Protein backbone atom coordinates (compact mmCIF):
# COMPACT_ATOMS: atom_id res chain seq x y z
CA MET A 1 -51.23 30.40 43.81
CA ASN A 2 -51.29 34.10 43.23
CA PRO A 3 -48.21 35.61 41.61
CA GLU A 4 -48.25 38.30 44.30
CA LYS A 5 -48.12 35.76 47.15
CA LEU A 6 -45.34 33.86 45.38
CA ALA A 7 -43.28 37.04 44.97
CA LYS A 8 -43.76 37.86 48.66
CA LEU A 9 -42.61 34.37 49.73
CA GLN A 10 -39.55 34.55 47.47
CA SER A 11 -38.48 37.87 48.94
CA GLN A 12 -38.51 36.41 52.45
CA VAL A 13 -36.07 33.60 51.63
CA ARG A 14 -32.61 34.18 53.11
CA VAL A 15 -29.44 32.20 52.89
CA GLY A 16 -28.27 31.82 56.47
CA GLY A 17 -30.02 33.53 59.27
CA LYS A 18 -29.38 36.28 61.71
CA GLY A 19 -26.23 35.60 63.66
CA THR A 20 -24.71 32.96 61.37
CA PRO A 21 -20.97 33.30 60.83
CA ARG A 22 -19.68 34.12 57.40
CA ARG A 23 -17.72 31.56 55.47
CA LYS A 24 -14.33 33.12 54.94
CA VAL A 25 -12.60 30.44 52.90
CA LYS A 26 -14.30 28.47 50.21
CA LYS A 27 -13.44 24.84 50.78
CA SER A 28 -12.85 22.77 47.70
CA VAL A 29 -13.85 19.15 47.76
CA LYS A 30 -11.27 16.88 46.20
CA ALA A 31 -12.55 13.91 44.30
CA VAL A 32 -11.35 10.70 45.87
CA ALA A 33 -9.77 8.31 43.38
CA LYS A 34 -12.40 5.62 43.55
CA GLU A 35 -12.86 2.70 41.21
CA ASP A 36 -15.87 2.61 38.99
CA PRO A 37 -18.54 0.36 40.54
CA LYS A 38 -18.79 -1.70 37.34
CA ILE A 39 -15.05 -2.34 37.34
CA ALA A 40 -15.10 -3.21 41.04
CA SER A 41 -17.94 -5.70 40.55
CA THR A 42 -16.18 -7.28 37.56
CA LEU A 43 -12.94 -7.64 39.55
CA LYS A 44 -14.92 -9.23 42.37
CA GLN A 45 -16.42 -11.74 39.91
CA LEU A 46 -12.94 -12.57 38.61
CA ASN A 47 -11.87 -13.24 42.20
CA VAL A 48 -8.62 -11.29 41.87
CA GLN A 49 -6.51 -10.43 44.91
CA PRO A 50 -4.28 -7.33 45.13
CA ILE A 51 -0.53 -7.89 44.95
CA PRO A 52 1.32 -5.19 46.93
CA ASP A 53 4.82 -3.73 46.56
CA ILE A 54 5.10 -3.75 42.75
CA GLU A 55 7.40 -0.95 41.56
CA THR A 56 7.12 -1.27 37.78
CA ILE A 57 5.52 -3.43 35.12
CA ASN A 58 6.94 -3.57 31.60
CA MET A 59 4.88 -5.03 28.75
CA PHE A 60 6.69 -5.70 25.49
CA MET A 61 4.35 -5.09 22.55
CA GLU A 62 4.53 -6.64 19.08
CA SER A 63 5.27 -3.22 17.59
CA GLY A 64 8.64 -3.25 19.38
CA LYS A 65 7.70 -0.62 21.97
CA VAL A 66 7.47 -1.18 25.72
CA MET A 67 4.48 -0.11 27.80
CA ALA A 68 5.83 0.76 31.26
CA PHE A 69 3.66 1.24 34.35
CA ASN A 70 5.31 2.99 37.32
CA ALA A 71 3.78 2.17 40.73
CA PRO A 72 0.80 0.27 39.27
CA ARG A 73 -1.99 -1.46 41.16
CA LEU A 74 -1.72 -5.13 40.33
CA SER A 75 -4.41 -7.69 41.06
CA ALA A 76 -4.23 -11.34 40.09
CA ASN A 77 -6.00 -14.67 40.14
CA VAL A 78 -3.16 -17.08 39.50
CA GLN A 79 -5.37 -20.17 39.19
CA ALA A 80 -7.36 -18.56 36.37
CA ASN A 81 -4.21 -16.97 34.85
CA THR A 82 -5.84 -13.52 35.14
CA PHE A 83 -3.90 -10.35 35.89
CA VAL A 84 -5.29 -6.81 36.15
CA VAL A 85 -2.91 -3.86 35.86
CA ALA A 86 -4.20 -0.38 36.72
CA GLY A 87 -2.14 2.76 36.33
CA LYS A 88 -0.87 5.31 33.85
CA PRO A 89 1.31 3.74 31.14
CA GLU A 90 4.31 5.29 29.44
CA GLU A 91 5.52 4.17 26.05
CA LYS A 92 9.28 3.55 25.93
CA SER A 93 11.85 2.04 23.63
CA PRO A 94 13.15 -1.43 24.59
CA GLU A 95 16.61 0.00 25.25
CA GLN A 96 15.26 2.46 27.82
CA ALA A 97 13.20 -0.23 29.55
CA ILE A 98 16.12 -2.69 29.75
CA THR A 99 18.53 -0.07 31.12
CA GLU A 100 15.98 0.82 33.81
CA MET A 101 15.53 -2.88 34.67
CA ILE A 102 19.29 -3.35 34.98
CA SER A 103 19.67 -0.26 37.17
CA ARG A 104 16.90 -1.52 39.48
CA MET A 105 18.46 -4.96 39.79
CA GLY A 106 21.56 -3.46 41.41
CA SER A 107 24.35 -5.98 41.84
CA PHE A 108 23.74 -8.95 39.60
CA ASP A 109 25.37 -11.98 38.12
CA PRO A 110 27.01 -11.43 34.69
CA ASN A 111 25.37 -14.65 33.52
CA ALA A 112 21.95 -13.07 34.15
CA LEU A 113 22.85 -10.20 31.81
CA SER A 114 23.89 -12.61 29.05
CA GLN A 115 20.60 -14.53 29.47
CA LEU A 116 18.68 -11.26 29.23
CA ALA A 117 20.56 -10.38 26.02
CA LYS A 118 19.74 -13.81 24.53
CA MET A 119 16.06 -13.33 25.42
CA THR A 120 15.88 -9.94 23.71
CA GLU A 121 17.66 -11.29 20.62
CA GLY A 122 15.22 -14.19 20.54
CA MET A 123 12.27 -11.81 20.81
CA GLN A 124 13.59 -9.63 17.99
CA GLY A 125 14.24 -12.71 15.87
CA SER A 126 10.72 -14.00 16.39
CA ASN A 127 9.26 -10.60 15.44
CA ASP A 128 11.31 -10.58 12.21
CA ALA A 129 10.24 -14.10 11.28
CA GLY A 130 6.55 -13.12 11.32
CA ASP A 131 3.65 -15.10 12.67
CA VAL A 132 4.21 -18.75 11.86
CA ASP A 133 1.66 -21.15 13.29
CA ASP A 134 3.34 -24.53 12.86
CA ASP A 135 1.51 -26.01 15.84
CA ILE A 136 -1.95 -25.50 14.39
CA PRO A 137 -2.94 -28.20 11.89
CA ASP A 138 -4.76 -27.34 8.69
CA LEU A 139 -8.33 -28.48 9.26
CA VAL A 140 -9.55 -27.87 5.71
CA ALA A 141 -7.16 -30.41 4.20
CA ALA A 142 -8.13 -32.97 6.82
CA ASP A 143 -11.79 -32.30 6.03
CA ASP A 144 -11.15 -32.88 2.31
CA ASP A 145 -9.37 -36.16 3.07
CA ALA A 146 -12.32 -37.35 5.14
CA ASN A 147 -14.73 -36.49 2.31
CA ASN A 148 -12.57 -38.37 -0.19
CA LYS A 149 -12.50 -41.47 2.04
CA SER A 150 -16.27 -41.40 2.48
CA THR A 151 -16.82 -41.12 -1.28
CA ASP A 152 -14.37 -44.00 -1.83
CA MET A 153 -16.30 -46.13 0.63
CA ASN A 154 -19.60 -45.27 -1.08
CA ALA A 155 -18.10 -46.22 -4.45
CA ALA A 156 -16.93 -49.56 -3.04
CA ASP A 157 -20.49 -50.41 -1.91
């Protein structure tokens, strides 16, 4: 194409035509909070179902802090022991989290409070003791014993 023809065509281009109303207010488009398609497909594969009416979720971390979710979206597959929590977390001290839990419980049995105190003491005691894996047997020693028995049997032959 000729540059002259191109310039002539560009000058004729108009936004809107004769008689079109002016736009007085610029409308802003709000982004809809939509899940990422990859996350949605993964949740579908996990076969999780949404659980409604959850006010808060408190997760006690090994560091001693509490991760609190206010008004989270909770989905679960109970058979597979899979839970998905979506929301904005806040980091709190255990004292703050427990006082909020007690205030939400309303009227309660004094025995429930004593059980809660025992649970928190037990959790603090287990954190102080460190990670002790008494349930897991030492496989290396068992492997050495098996090697010794096989060498004893070879020596007997």
